[in-house]
Amino acid sequence: MRRLSEYDILVDGEAYNVKLIKHVKGSPFSVEVNEKPYDAELVGEIETEAPFSVRFRGKSYEVELKKTDRDNPFPMKVNGVPFSVELKPAARRRISIAPASTGLATRSKPSTKTLVEGAISAPMAGKIVAVLVKKGDPVKADDVICVLEAMKMENEILASKAGTVQEVKVSEGMPVNEGDVLVTIE
């Protein structure tokens, strides 16, 4: 299911990853909180400076939210209890891939596919959501070459070394398997 929005939220210093998965106005919506799925329902309308209710896991919560600046922490009350909330767009994970000639990759198992000198391989199965380089582009070590979505997380795939992009084997929207060559760098 397509993710509509995702935020990292700090509530009184405790971190939560919240994803809005599905929402149709006037009906319950689906969210994930720290990777666990829930259904919630907004009762009434969210209006500036006016309390509203949310039904979540069988309980109703009255929420008071003053006009907020999303770039700074803001106060919120839930059932009269005050909280300090900080809202940030969810960060992408950065994955650095070791050169293929070593057979090692950070945060993944070594691939069983044939190793290609200078190849950057997918550390896990997923879908390419952005390709940030093209053939002939110069890259530095740790430059982001593409973004791979896997397990509902966006992972920045980094160049393992400086060089020139020799081949780009993927495009946006393409599914990949663990070990598939994404880009080669010389």
C-alpha atoms as a PDB file:
ATOM      1  CA  MET A   1       0.000   0.000   0.000  1.00  0.00           C
ATOM      2  CA  ARG A   2       1.372   3.453  -0.869  1.00  0.00           C
ATOM      3  CA  ARG A   3       2.626   5.591   1.993  1.00  0.00           C
ATOM      4  CA  LEU A   4       1.038   9.087   1.941  1.00  0.00           C
ATOM      5  CA  SER A   5       3.325  10.772   4.464  1.00  0.00           C
ATOM      6  CA  GLU A   6       5.897   9.792   7.036  1.00  0.00           C
ATOM      7  CA  TYR A   7       7.251  11.661  10.049  1.00  0.00           C
ATOM      8  CA  ASP A   8       9.683  11.134  12.871  1.00  0.00           C
ATOM      9  CA  ILE A   9       7.929  12.599  15.916  1.00  0.00           C
ATOM     10  CA  LEU A  10       9.439  13.367  19.302  1.00  0.00           C
ATOM     11  CA  VAL A  11       6.847  13.443  22.102  1.00  0.00           C
ATOM     12  CA  ASP A  12       8.449  14.641  25.335  1.00  0.00           C
ATOM     13  CA  GLY A  13      11.750  13.317  23.994  1.00  0.00           C
ATOM     14  CA  GLU A  14      10.470   9.856  23.015  1.00  0.00           C
ATOM     15  CA  ALA A  15      10.836   9.068  19.286  1.00  0.00           C
ATOM     16  CA  TYR A  16       8.074   7.602  17.111  1.00  0.00           C
ATOM     17  CA  ASN A  17       8.054   6.895  13.387  1.00  0.00           C
ATOM     18  CA  VAL A  18       4.535   7.570  12.095  1.00  0.00           C
ATOM     19  CA  LYS A  19       3.350   6.758   8.561  1.00  0.00           C
ATOM     20  CA  LEU A  20      -0.054   7.685   7.177  1.00  0.00           C
ATOM     21  CA  ILE A  21      -0.787   4.764   4.868  1.00  0.00           C
ATOM     22  CA  LYS A  22      -4.368   5.305   3.705  1.00  0.00           C
ATOM     23  CA  HIS A  23      -6.874   8.077   4.245  1.00  0.00           C
ATOM     24  CA  VAL A  24     -10.256   8.766   2.678  1.00  0.00           C
ATOM     25  CA  LYS A  25     -12.034  11.811   4.120  1.00  0.00           C
ATOM     26  CA  GLY A  26     -14.896  10.804   6.409  1.00  0.00           C
ATOM     27  CA  SER A  27     -13.662   7.258   7.008  1.00  0.00           C
ATOM     28  CA  PRO A  28     -11.067   5.603   9.290  1.00  0.00           C
ATOM     29  CA  PHE A  29      -7.455   5.888   8.205  1.00  0.00           C
ATOM     30  CA  SER A  30      -4.540   3.476   8.419  1.00  0.00           C
ATOM     31  CA  VAL A  31      -1.303   4.410  10.162  1.00  0.00           C
ATOM     32  CA  GLU A  32       1.874   2.661  11.199  1.00  0.00           C
ATOM     33  CA  VAL A  33       3.519   3.673  14.456  1.00  0.00           C
ATOM     34  CA  ASN A  34       7.028   2.253  14.789  1.00  0.00           C
ATOM     35  CA  GLU A  35       6.242  -0.339  12.081  1.00  0.00           C
ATOM     36  CA  LYS A  36       3.004  -1.541  13.768  1.00  0.00           C
ATOM     37  CA  PRO A  37      -0.236  -1.014  11.792  1.00  0.00           C
ATOM     38  CA  TYR A  38      -3.281   0.658  13.370  1.00  0.00           C
ATOM     39  CA  ASP A  39      -6.631   2.023  12.255  1.00  0.00           C
ATOM     40  CA  ALA A  40      -7.678   5.415  13.589  1.00  0.00           C
ATOM     41  CA  GLU A  41     -10.652   7.672  13.054  1.00  0.00           C
ATOM     42  CA  LEU A  42     -10.888  11.433  13.183  1.00  0.00           C
ATOM     43  CA  VAL A  43     -14.122  12.525  14.875  1.00  0.00           C
ATOM     44  CA  GLY A  44     -15.148  15.939  13.580  1.00  0.00           C
ATOM     45  CA  GLU A  45     -12.824  18.344  11.794  1.00  0.00           C
ATOM     46  CA  ILE A  46      -9.381  19.582  12.694  1.00  0.00           C
ATOM     47  CA  GLU A  47      -9.742  23.311  13.167  1.00  0.00           C
ATOM     48  CA  THR A  48      -7.107  25.781  14.274  1.00  0.00           C
ATOM     49  CA  GLU A  49      -7.164  26.325  18.039  1.00  0.00           C
ATOM     50  CA  ALA A  50     -10.249  24.062  18.512  1.00  0.00           C
ATOM     51  CA  PRO A  51     -10.100  20.618  20.199  1.00  0.00           C
ATOM     52  CA  PHE A  52     -10.785  17.565  18.049  1.00  0.00           C
ATOM     53  CA  SER A  53     -11.148  13.862  18.807  1.00  0.00           C
ATOM     54  CA  VAL A  54      -9.316  10.827  17.485  1.00  0.00           C
ATOM     55  CA  ARG A  55     -10.546   7.273  18.029  1.00  0.00           C
ATOM     56  CA  PHE A  56      -7.541   4.947  18.244  1.00  0.00           C
ATOM     57  CA  ARG A  57      -7.431   1.298  19.358  1.00  0.00           C
ATOM     58  CA  GLY A  58     -11.001   1.478  20.666  1.00  0.00           C
ATOM     59  CA  LYS A  59     -10.451   4.596  22.776  1.00  0.00           C
ATOM     60  CA  SER A  60     -11.352   8.219  22.118  1.00  0.00           C
ATOM     61  CA  TYR A  61      -8.760  10.957  22.708  1.00  0.00           C
ATOM     62  CA  GLU A  62      -9.452  14.693  22.821  1.00  0.00           C
ATOM     63  CA  VAL A  63      -6.594  16.618  21.233  1.00  0.00           C
ATOM     64  CA  GLU A  64      -5.879  20.314  21.752  1.00  0.00           C
ATOM     65  CA  LEU A  65      -3.426  21.707  19.274  1.00  0.00           C
ATOM     66  CA  LYS A  66      -2.535  25.375  19.039  1.00  0.00           C
ATOM     67  CA  LYS A  67      -1.378  26.913  15.767  1.00  0.00           C
ATOM     68  CA  THR A  68       2.012  25.310  15.191  1.00  0.00           C
ATOM     69  CA  ASP A  69       5.291  26.027  13.496  1.00  0.00           C
ATOM     70  CA  ARG A  70       6.267  22.584  12.183  1.00  0.00           C
ATOM     71  CA  ASP A  71       9.941  23.575  12.215  1.00  0.00           C
ATOM     72  CA  ASN A  72       9.989  24.040  16.005  1.00  0.00           C
ATOM     73  CA  PRO A  73       8.728  22.066  19.028  1.00  0.00           C
ATOM     74  CA  PHE A  74       5.097  22.870  19.857  1.00  0.00           C
ATOM     75  CA  PRO A  75       2.686  22.183  22.743  1.00  0.00           C
ATOM     76  CA  MET A  76      -0.177  19.695  22.472  1.00  0.00           C
ATOM     77  CA  LYS A  77      -2.668  18.362  24.998  1.00  0.00           C
ATOM     78  CA  VAL A  78      -4.202  14.888  24.814  1.00  0.00           C
ATOM     79  CA  ASN A  79      -7.089  14.369  27.244  1.00  0.00           C
ATOM     80  CA  GLY A  80      -5.830  17.448  29.132  1.00  0.00           C
ATOM     81  CA  VAL A  81      -2.269  16.146  29.545  1.00  0.00           C
ATOM     82  CA  PRO A  82       0.365  18.512  28.042  1.00  0.00           C
ATOM     83  CA  PHE A  83       3.102  17.234  25.732  1.00  0.00           C
ATOM     84  CA  SER A  84       5.926  18.886  23.824  1.00  0.00           C
ATOM     85  CA  VAL A  85       5.938  17.650  20.219  1.00  0.00           C
ATOM     86  CA  GLU A  86       8.607  17.961  17.541  1.00  0.00           C
ATOM     87  CA  LEU A  87       7.688  16.962  13.994  1.00  0.00           C
ATOM     88  CA  LYS A  88      10.269  16.150  11.336  1.00  0.00           C
ATOM     89  CA  PRO A  89      10.015  14.540   7.899  1.00  0.00           C
ATOM     90  CA  ALA A  90      11.299  10.982   8.240  1.00  0.00           C
ATOM     91  CA  ALA A  91      14.978  10.663   7.479  1.00  0.00           C
ATOM     92  CA  ARG A  92      16.274   8.342   4.827  1.00  0.00           C
ATOM     93  CA  ARG A  93      18.718   5.679   5.905  1.00  0.00           C
ATOM     94  CA  ARG A  94      22.159   5.902   4.292  1.00  0.00           C
ATOM     95  CA  ILE A  95      23.745   2.662   3.165  1.00  0.00           C
ATOM     96  CA  SER A  96      27.389   2.570   2.157  1.00  0.00           C
ATOM     97  CA  ILE A  97      28.327  -0.320  -0.069  1.00  0.00           C
ATOM     98  CA  ALA A  98      31.880  -1.660   0.005  1.00  0.00           C
ATOM     99  CA  PRO A  99      33.572  -2.202  -3.379  1.00  0.00           C
ATOM    100  CA  ALA A 100      32.253  -5.354  -5.032  1.00  0.00           C
ATOM    101  CA  SER A 101      35.750  -6.760  -5.484  1.00  0.00           C
ATOM    102  CA  THR A 102      35.926  -7.341  -1.717  1.00  0.00           C
ATOM    103  CA  GLY A 103      32.644  -9.242  -1.643  1.00  0.00           C
ATOM    104  CA  LEU A 104      31.515  -7.170   1.362  1.00  0.00           C
ATOM    105  CA  ALA A 105      28.564  -4.838   1.764  1.00  0.00           C
ATOM    106  CA  THR A 106      27.547  -2.780   4.770  1.00  0.00           C
ATOM    107  CA  ARG A 107      24.311  -3.961   6.445  1.00  0.00           C
ATOM    108  CA  SER A 108      23.806  -6.876   4.055  1.00  0.00           C
ATOM    109  CA  LYS A 109      24.953 -10.387   3.342  1.00  0.00           C
ATOM    110  CA  PRO A 110      27.544 -10.950   0.611  1.00  0.00           C
ATOM    111  CA  SER A 111      25.796 -11.520  -2.697  1.00  0.00           C
ATOM    112  CA  THR A 112      25.860 -14.915  -4.345  1.00  0.00           C
ATOM    113  CA  LYS A 113      25.840 -13.213  -7.778  1.00  0.00           C
ATOM    114  CA  THR A 114      28.986 -12.762  -9.821  1.00  0.00           C
ATOM    115  CA  LEU A 115      31.042  -9.841  -8.554  1.00  0.00           C
ATOM    116  CA  VAL A 116      31.824  -7.086 -11.051  1.00  0.00           C
ATOM    117  CA  GLU A 117      34.783  -4.747 -10.451  1.00  0.00           C
ATOM    118  CA  GLY A 118      33.483  -1.305  -9.392  1.00  0.00           C
ATOM    119  CA  ALA A 119      29.872  -2.492  -9.160  1.00  0.00           C
ATOM    120  CA  ILE A 120      27.482  -1.105  -6.583  1.00  0.00           C
ATOM    121  CA  SER A 121      24.933  -3.833  -5.815  1.00  0.00           C
ATOM    122  CA  ALA A 122      21.565  -3.747  -4.094  1.00  0.00           C
ATOM    123  CA  PRO A 123      22.044  -4.625  -0.406  1.00  0.00           C
ATOM    124  CA  MET A 124      18.442  -5.915  -0.250  1.00  0.00           C
ATOM    125  CA  ALA A 125      15.428  -6.484  -2.467  1.00  0.00           C
ATOM    126  CA  GLY A 126      13.226  -3.458  -3.096  1.00  0.00           C
ATOM    127  CA  LYS A 127      12.224  -0.808  -5.601  1.00  0.00           C
ATOM    128  CA  ILE A 128      14.371   2.003  -6.995  1.00  0.00           C
ATOM    129  CA  VAL A 129      12.602   5.301  -6.217  1.00  0.00           C
ATOM    130  CA  ALA A 130      15.307   7.686  -7.484  1.00  0.00           C
ATOM    131  CA  VAL A 131      18.437   7.462  -9.629  1.00  0.00           C
ATOM    132  CA  LEU A 132      20.734  10.428  -9.007  1.00  0.00           C
ATOM    133  CA  VAL A 133      23.572   9.673 -11.457  1.00  0.00           C
ATOM    134  CA  LYS A 134      23.956   8.955 -15.160  1.00  0.00           C
ATOM    135  CA  LYS A 135      26.692   7.447 -17.316  1.00  0.00           C
ATOM    136  CA  GLY A 136      29.768   9.668 -17.359  1.00  0.00           C
ATOM    137  CA  ASP A 137      28.995  11.476 -14.093  1.00  0.00           C
ATOM    138  CA  PRO A 138      31.957  11.946 -11.750  1.00  0.00           C
ATOM    139  CA  VAL A 139      31.230  10.733  -8.203  1.00  0.00           C
ATOM    140  CA  LYS A 140      33.041  10.947  -4.894  1.00  0.00           C
ATOM    141  CA  ALA A 141      33.073   8.230  -2.249  1.00  0.00           C
ATOM    142  CA  ASP A 142      29.832   8.403  -0.227  1.00  0.00           C
ATOM    143  CA  ASP A 143      27.892  10.377  -2.871  1.00  0.00           C
ATOM    144  CA  VAL A 144      24.277   9.209  -3.064  1.00  0.00           C
ATOM    145  CA  ILE A 145      23.848   7.330  -6.348  1.00  0.00           C
ATOM    146  CA  CYS A 146      20.259   6.121  -5.944  1.00  0.00           C
ATOM    147  CA  VAL A 147      17.459   5.597  -3.434  1.00  0.00           C
ATOM    148  CA  LEU A 148      16.100   2.092  -2.802  1.00  0.00           C
ATOM    149  CA  GLU A 149      12.776   1.584  -1.035  1.00  0.00           C
ATOM    150  CA  ALA A 150      12.718  -1.640   0.949  1.00  0.00           C
ATOM    151  CA  MET A 151      10.458  -2.643   3.837  1.00  0.00           C
ATOM    152  CA  LYS A 152       8.738   0.771   3.613  1.00  0.00           C
ATOM    153  CA  MET A 153      12.019   2.607   4.259  1.00  0.00           C
ATOM    154  CA  GLU A 154      13.945   4.744   1.792  1.00  0.00           C
ATOM    155  CA  ASN A 155      17.626   3.801   1.750  1.00  0.00           C
ATOM    156  CA  GLU A 156      20.260   6.036   0.172  1.00  0.00           C
ATOM    157  CA  ILE A 157      22.761   3.895  -1.717  1.00  0.00           C
ATOM    158  CA  LEU A 158      26.207   5.507  -1.593  1.00  0.00           C
ATOM    159  CA  ALA A 159      29.177   5.294  -3.943  1.00  0.00           C
ATOM    160  CA  SER A 160      31.874   3.100  -2.450  1.00  0.00           C
ATOM    161  CA  LYS A 161      34.697   4.982  -4.141  1.00  0.00           C
ATOM    162  CA  ALA A 162      35.467   8.041  -6.220  1.00  0.00           C
ATOM    163  CA  GLY A 163      35.413   7.644  -9.993  1.00  0.00           C
ATOM    164  CA  THR A 164      33.257   7.968 -13.084  1.00  0.00           C
ATOM    165  CA  VAL A 165      29.915   6.244 -13.578  1.00  0.00           C
ATOM    166  CA  GLN A 166      30.439   3.679 -16.350  1.00  0.00           C
ATOM    167  CA  GLU A 167      26.977   2.125 -16.410  1.00  0.00           C
ATOM    168  CA  VAL A 168      23.584   2.682 -14.766  1.00  0.00           C
ATOM    169  CA  LYS A 169      21.606  -0.567 -14.812  1.00  0.00           C
ATOM    170  CA  VAL A 170      18.438   0.657 -13.039  1.00  0.00           C
ATOM    171  CA  SER A 171      15.739   3.258 -13.513  1.00  0.00           C
ATOM    172  CA  GLU A 172      13.106   4.823 -11.272  1.00  0.00           C
ATOM    173  CA  GLY A 173      10.320   2.386 -10.376  1.00  0.00           C
ATOM    174  CA  MET A 174      12.371  -0.723 -11.209  1.00  0.00           C
ATOM    175  CA  PRO A 175      12.259  -3.639  -8.760  1.00  0.00           C
ATOM    176  CA  VAL A 176      15.635  -5.118  -7.777  1.00  0.00           C
ATOM    177  CA  ASN A 177      16.794  -8.198  -5.906  1.00  0.00           C
ATOM    178  CA  GLU A 178      19.554  -8.356  -3.313  1.00  0.00           C
ATOM    179  CA  GLY A 179      22.883  -8.461  -5.154  1.00  0.00           C
ATOM    180  CA  ASP A 180      21.608  -6.939  -8.426  1.00  0.00           C
ATOM    181  CA  VAL A 181      24.154  -4.517  -9.901  1.00  0.00           C
ATOM    182  CA  LEU A 182      22.773  -0.955  -9.777  1.00  0.00           C
ATOM    183  CA  VAL A 183      25.721   1.107 -11.049  1.00  0.00           C
ATOM    184  CA  THR A 184      29.339   0.494 -12.024  1.00  0.00           C
ATOM    185  CA  ILE A 185      32.060   3.034 -11.218  1.00  0.00           C
ATOM    186  CA  GLU A 186      35.628   3.128 -12.572  1.00  0.00           C
END
